């Protein structure tokens, strides 16, 4: 195209600019309003900023009779309008976007220019649209190759609303489906599968859908025949869609709330042992909340929280912990029982005044006993290692043996609320036994035998050496006795504490004998003091008595 050619509007083109009802495609309208009989094609291209758009639009406008070269403009205005071939008018008629019109451009057939058809805007006077169209073109980079939307297609602005509306409708349908689905129809199937898994008759009161804290299926009133009170408070199925789409056999995870089982029931669960008759192999995790396990007729382990992991319907492992998370138990099947690994952090056994700063142990749980081996614990500032066995076959009984190292006597006195006032590091061996009708009575009747060695110790409140130096009849009620080492055999039972075979070594002074303390803290005992010096050796029998912690040492005859 000749870039120096000048075009002018015809009466049709001028009418299209002045009348807002006359509509043409946007890029053609933009060029049409710029044609003024003065600007060349090159100047129009520079002004609009898109030479290809301008040249293509000029060809279309000229073929439609909207513009003519400047030389033919006078003749066009004299005739009122130029004769337009039918096929040319038809091409321009495709610019209309809201149906046919009664003007000459309303007729037409498909042509090359039909690709410009879109939801266009009415042509506005040049004074209102010149700058807007120019700036819009420069900002958006519109050219004659732009994508054109068909007339029967919704606008881009309406698509998000359609998508959002469809998504909302789908969500509403899903929620209604979940709410209205007859979950109780699965109750019989769930009971049958649960009965097969647990090897005991299972019945369920109700099946319903709950939304908080997350959507889940709630099985309330789960009754287990022959298991203590015969029920679990409820079971939760975490993915209701699995039940709807795949049936009970597709459930992968459930939560058991407030279950109460006996040790025999736990060991009798079919997934705890090899059993090929599996109905639900998809189930791989059972979350446990507030589990209580009854041992015998009076003892309860729990509450415990955690999870049971299954693989192909078989128990792989169980991880449980107490509510304050101070004790963690890991159990794996072993024949007719479970191997149990224990880890404790500041754990205080129920009913005992002492706590374990750190605990590691391994054990075996069987139907009537728990055997704990390889106990290694930080205890009262020192270390305790040993074994312990708990049985509930006939009442509750225990027995254990341990090795003590560097036990802090001040912490021991404080934790056990002992009135004795003694310092030092205690080591030695321990044997403990107990039996009773329940856990508390077992500890109240417990007895312990210890063979101890205390090093770098101090006995506050009495001075044994001073009583020996003062001689017969001397009474000492205060002071301290320091020693390098003290060996003794200690027995503890419900009758009190007996300390026998005492041998106290404090350098040039030694003492031996025995002391007895009853449960009320009354102390009686006899010691033989031997004090050596460069001049002579003193032997003095001593009487020890008083109410702990106030002791009196008297030099006897």
Protein backbone atom coordinates (compact mmCIF):
# COMPACT_ATOMS: atom_id res chain seq x y z
CA UNK A 1 0.00 0.00 0.00
CA UNK A 2 1.17 3.50 -0.84
CA UNK A 3 2.09 5.10 2.47
CA UNK A 4 1.64 8.57 0.95
CA UNK A 5 -1.98 8.00 -0.07
CA UNK A 6 -4.58 10.26 1.66
CA UNK A 7 -8.11 8.99 2.35
CA UNK A 8 -11.35 10.79 3.21
CA UNK A 9 -14.67 9.60 4.62
CA UNK A 10 -17.66 8.96 2.41
CA UNK A 11 -21.19 9.93 3.52
CA UNK A 12 -21.60 6.32 4.77
CA UNK A 13 -18.39 6.60 6.80
CA UNK A 14 -19.32 9.99 8.19
CA UNK A 15 -22.75 8.70 9.21
CA UNK A 16 -21.16 5.67 10.90
CA UNK A 17 -19.00 8.00 13.02
CA UNK A 18 -21.86 10.32 13.97
CA UNK A 19 -24.49 7.70 14.76
CA UNK A 20 -23.80 5.58 17.84
CA UNK A 21 -26.10 2.85 16.58
CA UNK A 22 -23.86 2.11 13.64
CA UNK A 23 -21.40 -0.54 14.87
CA UNK A 24 -18.22 -1.83 13.29
CA UNK A 25 -15.33 -3.92 14.53
CA UNK A 26 -13.13 -2.07 17.01
CA UNK A 27 -9.90 -1.75 15.04
CA UNK A 28 -11.79 -0.62 11.90
CA UNK A 29 -13.74 1.99 13.88
CA UNK A 30 -10.51 3.28 15.40
CA UNK A 31 -8.95 3.86 11.99
CA UNK A 32 -12.18 5.28 10.53
CA UNK A 33 -12.41 8.09 13.09
CA UNK A 34 -8.79 9.09 12.31
CA UNK A 35 -9.37 9.41 8.55
CA UNK A 36 -9.82 13.18 7.90
CA UNK A 37 -8.69 13.79 4.31
CA UNK A 38 -5.38 15.22 5.52
CA UNK A 39 -3.35 12.39 7.07
CA UNK A 40 -1.50 10.00 4.78
CA UNK A 41 -1.50 6.25 5.36
CA UNK A 42 2.03 6.54 6.78
CA UNK A 43 0.97 9.31 9.18
CA UNK A 44 -2.04 7.27 10.32
CA UNK A 45 0.26 4.29 10.98
CA UNK A 46 2.64 6.45 13.01
CA UNK A 47 -0.21 8.00 14.97
CA UNK A 48 -1.91 4.71 15.81
CA UNK A 49 1.35 2.82 16.24
CA UNK A 50 0.47 -0.31 14.24
CA UNK A 51 1.10 -0.18 10.48
CA UNK A 52 -0.33 -3.62 9.76
CA UNK A 53 -3.56 -2.80 11.59
CA UNK A 54 -3.93 0.53 9.73
CA UNK A 55 -3.29 -0.91 6.26
CA UNK A 56 -5.63 -3.84 6.78
CA UNK A 57 -8.37 -1.59 8.17
CA UNK A 58 -8.04 0.86 5.26
CA UNK A 59 -8.50 -1.97 2.76
CA UNK A 60 -11.62 -3.20 4.57
CA UNK A 61 -13.08 0.32 4.98
CA UNK A 62 -12.40 1.17 1.35
CA UNK A 63 -13.97 -2.06 0.10
CA UNK A 64 -17.01 -1.37 2.29
CA UNK A 65 -17.48 2.14 0.93
CA UNK A 66 -16.66 3.92 4.19
CA UNK A 67 -13.60 5.76 2.82
CA UNK A 68 -12.22 6.67 -0.63
CA UNK A 69 -8.97 8.22 -1.84
CA UNK A 70 -8.99 11.99 -1.47
CA UNK A 71 -9.26 12.50 -5.24
CA UNK A 72 -12.59 10.67 -5.36
CA UNK A 73 -14.02 12.22 -2.19
CA UNK A 74 -15.81 15.11 -3.96
CA UNK A 75 -17.62 12.76 -6.35
CA UNK A 76 -18.66 10.52 -3.47
CA UNK A 77 -20.21 13.41 -1.57
CA UNK A 78 -22.02 14.65 -4.70
CA UNK A 79 -23.66 11.25 -5.20
CA UNK A 80 -24.67 11.01 -1.52
CA UNK A 81 -23.01 7.63 -1.30
CA UNK A 82 -20.96 5.40 -3.56
CA UNK A 83 -22.57 2.39 -5.16
CA UNK A 84 -21.58 -0.65 -3.13
CA UNK A 85 -21.33 -4.13 -4.52
CA UNK A 86 -23.45 -6.68 -2.71
CA UNK A 87 -20.48 -8.78 -1.76
CA UNK A 88 -18.66 -5.75 -0.35
CA UNK A 89 -21.61 -4.75 1.81
CA UNK A 90 -21.87 -8.32 2.95
CA UNK A 91 -18.29 -8.24 4.15
CA UNK A 92 -18.84 -5.12 6.19
CA UNK A 93 -22.08 -6.47 7.61
CA UNK A 94 -20.06 -8.99 9.56
CA UNK A 95 -18.81 -6.15 11.77
CA UNK A 96 -22.24 -5.93 13.45
CA UNK A 97 -22.38 -7.86 16.71
CA UNK A 98 -25.97 -7.49 17.92
CA UNK A 99 -27.93 -8.97 15.04
CA UNK A 100 -29.00 -7.51 11.69
CA UNK A 101 -29.87 -3.90 11.02
CA UNK A 102 -32.03 -2.20 8.42
CA UNK A 103 -29.13 -0.30 6.93
CA UNK A 104 -27.22 -1.32 3.86
CA UNK A 105 -24.69 -3.23 5.96
CA UNK A 106 -27.28 -5.62 7.39
CA UNK A 107 -27.07 -7.96 4.39
CA UNK A 108 -24.13 -10.11 3.70
CA UNK A 109 -22.48 -13.45 3.42
CA UNK A 110 -19.30 -15.04 4.81
CA UNK A 111 -16.13 -13.35 3.62
CA UNK A 112 -12.55 -12.93 4.70
CA UNK A 113 -13.47 -9.98 6.91
CA UNK A 114 -15.87 -12.08 9.01
CA UNK A 115 -12.98 -12.94 11.28
CA UNK A 116 -13.29 -9.48 12.83
CA UNK A 117 -16.78 -10.23 14.21
CA UNK A 118 -16.97 -9.63 17.99
CA UNK A 119 -18.93 -7.89 20.69
CA UNK A 120 -17.87 -4.47 19.53
CA UNK A 121 -18.70 -1.00 20.78
CA UNK A 122 -20.71 1.67 18.94
CA UNK A 123 -18.78 4.17 16.94
CA UNK A 124 -18.44 7.44 18.83
CA UNK A 125 -17.62 10.88 17.44
CA UNK A 126 -13.94 11.40 16.87
CA UNK A 127 -13.73 14.10 19.54
CA UNK A 128 -14.68 11.53 22.22
CA UNK A 129 -12.77 8.48 21.12
CA UNK A 130 -9.62 9.60 19.29
CA UNK A 131 -7.24 9.71 22.21
CA UNK A 132 -8.90 6.83 24.10
CA UNK A 133 -8.63 4.47 21.13
CA UNK A 134 -5.05 5.49 20.45
CA UNK A 135 -3.89 5.02 24.04
CA UNK A 136 -5.77 1.72 24.33
CA UNK A 137 -4.10 0.41 21.21
CA UNK A 138 -0.64 1.40 22.33
CA UNK A 139 -1.13 -0.11 25.80
CA UNK A 140 -2.67 -3.40 24.74
CA UNK A 141 -0.79 -3.87 21.47
CA UNK A 142 -3.96 -4.78 19.52
CA UNK A 143 -3.24 -5.85 15.97
CA UNK A 144 -5.08 -7.41 13.13
CA UNK A 145 -4.02 -10.91 14.29
CA UNK A 146 -5.83 -10.58 17.66
CA UNK A 147 -8.06 -13.47 18.81
CA UNK A 148 -11.71 -12.87 17.99
CA UNK A 149 -14.55 -14.35 20.08
CA UNK A 150 -17.60 -15.75 18.28
CA UNK A 151 -20.91 -14.00 18.82
CA UNK A 152 -22.54 -17.05 20.42
CA UNK A 153 -19.76 -17.44 23.02
CA UNK A 154 -20.02 -15.81 26.50
CA UNK A 155 -17.67 -12.93 27.21
CA UNK A 156 -14.44 -13.45 29.11
CA UNK A 157 -15.81 -11.39 31.97
CA UNK A 158 -18.64 -13.89 32.50
CA UNK A 159 -16.42 -16.99 32.64
CA UNK A 160 -15.21 -16.61 36.28
CA UNK A 161 -18.78 -16.27 37.46
CA UNK A 162 -19.77 -19.41 35.55
CA UNK A 163 -16.82 -21.36 36.98
CA UNK A 164 -17.49 -20.17 40.53
CA UNK A 165 -21.16 -20.96 40.22
CA UNK A 166 -20.42 -24.46 38.96
CA UNK A 167 -17.91 -25.07 41.77
CA UNK A 168 -20.35 -23.84 44.40
CA UNK A 169 -23.09 -26.07 43.03
CA UNK A 170 -20.75 -29.07 43.08
CA UNK A 171 -19.77 -28.39 46.71
CA UNK A 172 -23.42 -28.04 47.73
CA UNK A 173 -24.24 -31.33 46.04
CA UNK A 174 -21.33 -33.08 47.81
CA UNK A 175 -22.37 -31.72 51.21
CA UNK A 176 -25.99 -32.71 50.64
CA UNK A 177 -24.84 -36.14 49.53
CA UNK A 178 -22.76 -36.60 52.68
CA UNK A 179 -25.59 -35.38 54.91
CA UNK A 180 -28.36 -37.38 53.31
CA UNK A 181 -26.41 -40.59 52.70
CA UNK A 182 -27.92 -43.50 54.71
CA UNK A 183 -24.85 -44.43 56.74
CA UNK A 184 -26.84 -46.73 59.02
CA UNK A 185 -27.23 -49.05 56.03
CA UNK A 186 -23.58 -50.00 56.61
CA UNK A 187 -24.06 -50.74 60.31
CA UNK A 188 -24.66 -54.47 59.87
CA UNK A 189 -21.66 -54.80 57.57
CA UNK A 190 -19.45 -52.87 60.01
CA UNK A 191 -20.60 -55.04 62.90
CA UNK A 192 -19.87 -58.20 60.92
CA UNK A 193 -16.35 -57.11 59.95
CA UNK A 194 -15.57 -55.81 63.45
CA UNK A 195 -16.78 -59.09 64.96
CA UNK A 196 -14.45 -61.00 62.64
CA UNK A 197 -11.50 -58.74 63.43
CA UNK A 198 -11.92 -58.63 67.22
CA UNK A 199 -13.00 -62.26 67.58
CA UNK A 200 -15.93 -61.23 69.77
CA UNK A 201 -19.49 -60.13 69.07
CA UNK A 202 -19.65 -56.41 68.21
CA UNK A 203 -22.79 -54.28 68.08
CA UNK A 204 -23.13 -50.56 67.26
CA UNK A 205 -25.88 -48.25 68.48
CA UNK A 206 -25.70 -45.57 65.80
CA UNK A 207 -23.76 -44.39 62.73
CA UNK A 208 -23.78 -40.65 61.95
CA UNK A 209 -21.78 -37.92 60.21
CA UNK A 210 -19.94 -35.26 62.26
CA UNK A 211 -18.19 -32.16 60.88
CA UNK A 212 -16.07 -31.00 63.85
CA UNK A 213 -13.15 -30.82 64.27
CA UNK A 214 -12.96 -32.39 60.78
CA UNK A 215 -15.59 -34.34 58.83
CA UNK A 216 -15.77 -37.93 60.09
CA UNK A 217 -18.16 -40.79 60.53
CA UNK A 218 -19.04 -41.47 64.17
CA UNK A 219 -19.92 -44.97 65.38
CA UNK A 220 -21.45 -44.53 68.83
CA UNK A 221 -22.02 -47.17 71.48
CA UNK A 222 -19.65 -49.87 70.24
CA UNK A 223 -20.39 -52.87 72.45
CA UNK A 224 -17.85 -55.68 72.71
CA UNK A 225 -19.20 -58.89 74.16
CA UNK A 226 -17.14 -60.26 77.05
CA UNK A 227 -14.82 -57.27 77.37
CA UNK A 228 -15.19 -55.77 80.83
CA UNK A 229 -17.98 -53.20 80.54
CA UNK A 230 -18.57 -54.46 76.98
CA UNK A 231 -18.17 -51.21 75.07
CA UNK A 232 -15.97 -48.61 73.47
CA UNK A 233 -17.35 -45.08 73.75
CA UNK A 234 -17.14 -44.49 69.99
CA UNK A 235 -15.17 -45.05 66.80
CA UNK A 236 -14.39 -42.42 64.19
CA UNK A 237 -13.96 -43.12 60.46
CA UNK A 238 -11.89 -40.23 59.10
CA UNK A 239 -12.81 -40.39 55.42
CA UNK A 240 -16.58 -40.89 54.92
CA UNK A 241 -16.14 -40.91 51.12
CA UNK A 242 -14.14 -44.14 51.42
CA UNK A 243 -17.16 -45.79 53.02
CA UNK A 244 -19.54 -44.41 50.39
CA UNK A 245 -17.40 -45.25 47.36
CA UNK A 246 -15.54 -48.38 48.45
CA UNK A 247 -17.52 -49.91 51.30
CA UNK A 248 -16.30 -50.91 54.73
CA UNK A 249 -13.39 -52.89 53.29
CA UNK A 250 -11.77 -49.73 51.92
CA UNK A 251 -11.47 -47.89 55.26
CA UNK A 252 -7.82 -47.06 55.95
CA UNK A 253 -7.85 -45.25 59.31
CA UNK A 254 -10.11 -45.13 62.36
CA UNK A 255 -9.95 -43.62 65.85
CA UNK A 256 -11.05 -45.47 68.98
CA UNK A 257 -12.29 -43.17 71.75
CA UNK A 258 -12.19 -44.24 75.43
CA UNK A 259 -11.65 -47.97 74.86
CA UNK A 260 -11.41 -50.23 77.91
CA UNK A 261 -9.85 -53.66 77.43
CA UNK A 262 -8.25 -56.30 79.60
CA UNK A 263 -4.73 -57.53 78.95
CA UNK A 264 -6.22 -60.85 77.83
CA UNK A 265 -8.47 -59.03 75.36
CA UNK A 266 -5.55 -57.07 73.93
CA UNK A 267 -3.46 -60.21 73.47
CA UNK A 268 -6.47 -61.98 71.96
CA UNK A 269 -7.07 -59.42 69.19
CA UNK A 270 -6.77 -61.37 65.94
CA UNK A 271 -4.61 -58.78 64.21
CA UNK A 272 -2.09 -59.19 67.06
CA UNK A 273 -1.30 -62.73 65.86
CA UNK A 274 -1.04 -64.46 62.53
CA UNK A 275 -4.48 -65.09 61.09
CA UNK A 276 -5.19 -65.49 57.41
CA UNK A 277 -8.93 -64.78 57.66
CA UNK A 278 -8.69 -61.04 57.11
CA UNK A 279 -11.78 -59.10 56.06
CA UNK A 280 -10.28 -55.59 56.02
CA UNK A 281 -6.73 -55.48 54.69
CA UNK A 282 -7.00 -51.76 53.80
CA UNK A 283 -7.04 -50.70 57.46
CA UNK A 284 -3.49 -49.63 58.34
CA UNK A 285 -3.87 -47.27 61.31
CA UNK A 286 -5.97 -47.20 64.47
CA UNK A 287 -5.63 -44.02 66.52
CA UNK A 288 -6.15 -44.52 70.24
CA UNK A 289 -7.54 -41.91 72.63
CA UNK A 290 -7.80 -42.47 76.40
CA UNK A 291 -7.13 -46.21 76.42
CA UNK A 292 -7.38 -48.08 79.71
CA UNK A 293 -6.06 -51.63 79.99
CA UNK A 294 -7.25 -53.69 82.97
CA UNK A 295 -4.78 -56.14 84.50
CA UNK A 296 -6.37 -58.64 86.84
CA UNK A 297 -9.31 -57.54 88.93
CA UNK A 298 -7.96 -54.30 90.38
CA UNK A 299 -5.12 -52.77 88.36
CA UNK A 300 -5.43 -50.44 85.37
CA UNK A 301 -2.76 -49.25 82.94
CA UNK A 302 -3.68 -45.88 81.52
CA UNK A 303 -4.99 -43.59 80.31
CA UNK A 304 -2.85 -43.94 77.19
CA UNK A 305 -2.97 -42.25 73.80
CA UNK A 306 -1.27 -43.19 70.55
CA UNK A 307 -1.70 -45.35 67.49
CA UNK A 308 -1.64 -48.94 66.26
CA UNK A 309 -0.03 -49.59 62.88
CA UNK A 310 -1.23 -52.49 60.74
CA UNK A 311 0.26 -54.10 57.64
CA UNK A 312 -1.96 -56.37 55.55
CA UNK A 313 -4.31 -56.81 58.49
CA UNK A 314 -1.53 -57.78 60.92
CA UNK A 315 -0.29 -55.72 63.84
CA UNK A 316 3.03 -54.14 62.96
CA UNK A 317 3.57 -52.01 66.07
CA UNK A 318 1.80 -49.91 68.67
CA UNK A 319 2.99 -46.60 70.10
CA UNK A 320 1.31 -45.31 73.25
CA UNK A 321 2.07 -42.56 75.76
CA UNK A 322 0.53 -41.18 78.92
CA UNK A 323 -1.31 -37.81 78.86
CA UNK A 324 1.68 -35.71 79.99
CA UNK A 325 3.89 -37.58 77.49
CA UNK A 326 6.42 -38.48 80.17
CA UNK A 327 6.24 -42.20 79.31
CA UNK A 328 6.36 -43.68 75.79
CA UNK A 329 5.63 -47.36 75.11
CA UNK A 330 6.39 -49.16 71.86
CA UNK A 331 4.95 -52.66 71.50
CA UNK A 332 5.42 -55.34 68.84
CA UNK A 333 3.86 -58.83 68.75
CA UNK A 334 5.87 -61.71 70.15
CA UNK A 335 4.26 -65.14 70.23
CA UNK A 336 1.53 -65.03 72.85
CA UNK A 337 2.59 -61.60 74.11
CA UNK A 338 4.17 -58.29 73.22
CA UNK A 339 7.71 -56.99 73.30
CA UNK A 340 7.59 -53.59 75.00
CA UNK A 341 10.19 -50.83 74.83
CA UNK A 342 9.85 -48.04 77.41
CA UNK A 343 11.20 -44.49 77.35
CA UNK A 344 10.57 -42.05 80.16
CA UNK A 345 11.23 -38.35 80.71
CA UNK A 346 10.62 -37.07 84.25
CA UNK A 347 8.16 -39.93 84.70
CA UNK A 348 6.64 -40.50 88.14
CA UNK A 349 5.04 -43.94 88.57
CA UNK A 350 1.48 -43.73 89.89
CA UNK A 351 1.32 -43.63 93.67
CA UNK A 352 5.08 -43.26 94.21
CA UNK A 353 6.86 -40.18 95.55
CA UNK A 354 9.95 -40.53 93.33
CA UNK A 355 10.39 -39.85 89.62
CA UNK A 356 12.77 -41.07 86.92
CA UNK A 357 14.59 -38.22 85.19
CA UNK A 358 15.34 -40.50 82.24
CA UNK A 359 14.26 -44.09 81.73
CA UNK A 360 14.98 -46.78 79.19
CA UNK A 361 13.87 -50.38 79.54
CA UNK A 362 12.66 -53.38 77.57
CA UNK A 363 10.07 -55.88 78.62
CA UNK A 364 7.58 -58.58 77.69
CA UNK A 365 3.84 -58.28 78.32
CA UNK A 366 1.96 -61.55 78.82
CA UNK A 367 -1.55 -62.41 79.94
CA UNK A 368 -0.80 -62.37 83.68
CA UNK A 369 2.51 -60.51 84.07
CA UNK A 370 4.86 -57.82 82.82
CA UNK A 371 8.57 -58.62 82.89
CA UNK A 372 10.81 -55.55 82.51
CA UNK A 373 14.50 -56.13 81.79
CA UNK A 374 17.51 -53.93 81.10
CA UNK A 375 16.23 -51.04 83.21
CA UNK A 376 18.59 -48.09 82.86
CA UNK A 377 17.37 -44.93 84.54
CA UNK A 378 18.62 -41.68 86.02
CA UNK A 379 17.21 -41.80 89.52
CA UNK A 380 17.67 -39.40 92.49
CA UNK A 381 20.76 -37.87 90.93
CA UNK A 382 22.33 -41.28 90.28
CA UNK A 383 21.76 -44.37 88.19
CA UNK A 384 19.57 -47.43 88.74
CA UNK A 385 19.95 -50.55 86.61
CA UNK A 386 18.13 -53.85 86.99
CA UNK A 387 15.06 -55.97 86.34
CA UNK A 388 11.50 -55.88 87.66
CA UNK A 389 8.53 -58.24 87.38
CA UNK A 390 4.89 -57.33 87.97
CA UNK A 391 2.21 -60.05 88.20
CA UNK A 392 -1.60 -59.86 88.59
CA UNK A 393 -2.38 -63.59 88.59
CA UNK A 394 -3.37 -63.66 92.26
CA UNK A 395 -3.84 -60.11 93.49
CA UNK A 396 -0.90 -57.89 92.54
CA UNK A 397 2.71 -58.77 93.27
CA UNK A 398 6.15 -57.59 92.26
CA UNK A 399 9.80 -58.47 92.63
CA UNK A 400 12.91 -56.75 91.39
CA UNK A 401 16.66 -56.44 91.68
CA UNK A 402 18.82 -53.45 90.90
CA UNK A 403 22.21 -51.85 91.11
CA UNK A 404 22.44 -48.31 92.55
CA UNK A 405 25.21 -45.85 91.69
CA UNK A 406 25.82 -42.35 93.10
CA UNK A 407 22.34 -41.85 94.57
CA UNK A 408 22.14 -38.42 96.23
CA UNK A 409 21.01 -38.97 99.85
CA UNK A 410 19.71 -35.41 100.14
CA UNK A 411 17.36 -35.98 97.19
CA UNK A 412 16.41 -39.37 98.59
CA UNK A 413 15.45 -37.82 101.92
CA UNK A 414 13.53 -35.00 100.24
CA UNK A 415 11.58 -37.21 97.78
CA UNK A 416 10.74 -39.87 100.37
CA UNK A 417 9.97 -37.24 103.02
CA UNK A 418 12.42 -38.84 105.42
CA UNK A 419 13.25 -36.94 108.59
CA UNK A 420 16.87 -38.11 108.52
CA UNK A 421 19.43 -35.44 107.72
CA UNK A 422 22.33 -37.11 105.95
CA UNK A 423 24.43 -36.30 102.90
CA UNK A 424 26.60 -38.41 100.63
CA UNK A 425 26.63 -40.57 97.50
CA UNK A 426 24.98 -43.95 97.93
CA UNK A 427 25.74 -47.05 95.90
CA UNK A 428 25.01 -50.73 96.25
CA UNK A 429 22.49 -53.42 95.50
CA UNK A 430 18.72 -53.45 95.95
CA UNK A 431 16.11 -56.16 96.13
CA UNK A 432 12.43 -55.27 96.41
CA UNK A 433 9.29 -57.39 96.84
CA UNK A 434 5.64 -56.59 97.39
CA UNK A 435 2.18 -58.11 97.31
CA UNK A 436 -1.34 -56.81 97.82
CA UNK A 437 -4.88 -56.75 96.55
CA UNK A 438 -4.21 -53.68 94.37
CA UNK A 439 -1.40 -51.39 93.21
CA UNK A 440 -1.46 -49.09 96.24
CA UNK A 441 -1.57 -51.89 98.80
CA UNK A 442 1.28 -53.68 97.04
CA UNK A 443 3.58 -50.69 97.57
CA UNK A 444 2.41 -50.14 101.14
CA UNK A 445 3.37 -53.70 102.02
CA UNK A 446 6.60 -53.68 99.98
CA UNK A 447 9.90 -54.66 101.56
CA UNK A 448 13.40 -53.84 100.37
CA UNK A 449 16.84 -55.20 101.18
CA UNK A 450 19.87 -53.06 100.41
CA UNK A 451 23.58 -53.50 100.81
CA UNK A 452 24.92 -49.97 100.56
CA UNK A 453 28.08 -47.97 100.57
CA UNK A 454 27.96 -44.23 101.27
CA UNK A 455 31.03 -42.12 100.49
CA UNK A 456 31.98 -38.56 101.44
CA UNK A 457 29.07 -38.30 103.86
CA UNK A 458 27.87 -36.03 106.65
CA UNK A 459 25.42 -36.87 109.46
CA UNK A 460 23.82 -33.66 110.70
CA UNK A 461 22.53 -33.21 114.26
CA UNK A 462 24.99 -35.35 116.18
CA UNK A 463 28.76 -35.71 116.74
CA UNK A 464 29.73 -39.31 117.47
CA UNK A 465 33.40 -38.51 117.97
CA UNK A 466 32.68 -35.77 120.53
CA UNK A 467 30.61 -38.20 122.62
CA UNK A 468 33.50 -40.67 122.68
CA UNK A 469 36.04 -38.03 123.65
CA UNK A 470 33.94 -36.74 126.55
CA UNK A 471 33.79 -40.16 128.14
CA UNK A 472 31.22 -42.11 130.12
CA UNK A 473 27.90 -40.38 130.72
CA UNK A 474 28.53 -37.59 128.17
CA UNK A 475 25.46 -36.58 126.16
CA UNK A 476 25.75 -34.93 122.71
CA UNK A 477 22.66 -33.50 120.98
CA UNK A 478 24.18 -31.42 118.20
CA UNK A 479 27.06 -31.16 115.81
CA UNK A 480 27.98 -33.12 112.69
CA UNK A 481 29.75 -36.37 112.00
CA UNK A 482 31.84 -36.45 108.84
CA UNK A 483 33.01 -39.73 107.39
CA UNK A 484 34.84 -41.04 104.35
CA UNK A 485 32.81 -44.20 103.99
CA UNK A 486 29.86 -45.95 105.60
CA UNK A 487 28.90 -49.57 104.82
CA UNK A 488 25.63 -51.10 106.02
CA UNK A 489 22.87 -53.59 105.35
CA UNK A 490 19.50 -51.84 105.26
CA UNK A 491 16.12 -53.48 105.53
CA UNK A 492 12.88 -51.59 104.88
CA UNK A 493 9.42 -52.98 105.52
CA UNK A 494 6.13 -51.94 107.11
CA UNK A 495 7.71 -52.32 110.58
CA UNK A 496 10.29 -49.65 109.87
CA UNK A 497 13.95 -49.39 108.87
CA UNK A 498 16.77 -51.47 110.27
CA UNK A 499 20.41 -50.62 109.63
CA UNK A 500 22.71 -53.53 110.48
CA UNK A 501 26.40 -54.31 110.12
CA UNK A 502 27.26 -50.63 110.23
CA UNK A 503 30.90 -49.78 109.69
CA UNK A 504 31.71 -46.08 109.64
CA UNK A 505 35.22 -45.01 108.67
CA UNK A 506 36.34 -41.41 109.41
CA UNK A 507 40.12 -41.67 109.30
CA UNK A 508 41.40 -42.10 112.85
CA UNK A 509 37.88 -42.86 114.07
CA UNK A 510 35.70 -45.87 113.25
CA UNK A 511 32.30 -46.98 114.51
CA UNK A 512 30.29 -50.17 114.13
CA UNK A 513 26.92 -51.43 115.31
CA UNK A 514 23.25 -51.27 114.37
CA UNK A 515 20.30 -48.85 114.49
CA UNK A 516 16.54 -49.43 114.29
CA UNK A 517 13.85 -46.85 113.36
CA UNK A 518 10.13 -47.55 113.63
CA UNK A 519 7.48 -46.05 111.24
CA UNK A 520 6.96 -43.13 113.68
CA UNK A 521 10.62 -42.05 113.41
CA UNK A 522 11.73 -43.25 116.86
CA UNK A 523 15.36 -44.42 116.76
CA UNK A 524 17.27 -46.78 118.99
CA UNK A 525 20.74 -48.21 118.46
CA UNK A 526 24.16 -49.12 119.78
CA UNK A 527 27.56 -48.26 118.32
CA UNK A 528 31.13 -49.07 119.28
CA UNK A 529 33.46 -46.14 118.71
CA UNK A 530 37.21 -46.63 118.28
CA UNK A 531 39.31 -43.49 118.12
CA UNK A 532 43.06 -43.73 117.63
CA UNK A 533 45.71 -41.11 118.29
CA UNK A 534 49.49 -40.99 118.61
CA UNK A 535 49.07 -41.30 122.38
CA UNK A 536 46.33 -43.92 122.87
CA UNK A 537 43.33 -45.73 121.44
CA UNK A 538 39.89 -44.98 122.89
CA UNK A 539 37.05 -47.50 122.84
CA UNK A 540 33.66 -46.13 123.80
CA UNK A 541 30.22 -47.78 123.58
CA UNK A 542 27.55 -45.31 122.45
CA UNK A 543 23.77 -45.30 122.74
CA UNK A 544 21.77 -43.65 119.95
CA UNK A 545 18.15 -42.66 120.48
CA UNK A 546 15.67 -39.92 119.78
CA UNK A 547 12.97 -38.81 117.34
CA UNK A 548 14.21 -38.12 113.83
CA UNK A 549 15.76 -35.80 112.95
CA UNK A 550 16.77 -34.95 116.55
CA UNK A 551 19.11 -37.67 117.81
CA UNK A 552 21.01 -37.98 121.07
CA UNK A 553 24.33 -39.84 121.44
CA UNK A 554 25.28 -40.92 124.93
CA UNK A 555 28.61 -42.46 125.97
CA UNK A 556 27.75 -45.69 127.81
CA UNK A 557 29.79 -47.51 130.46
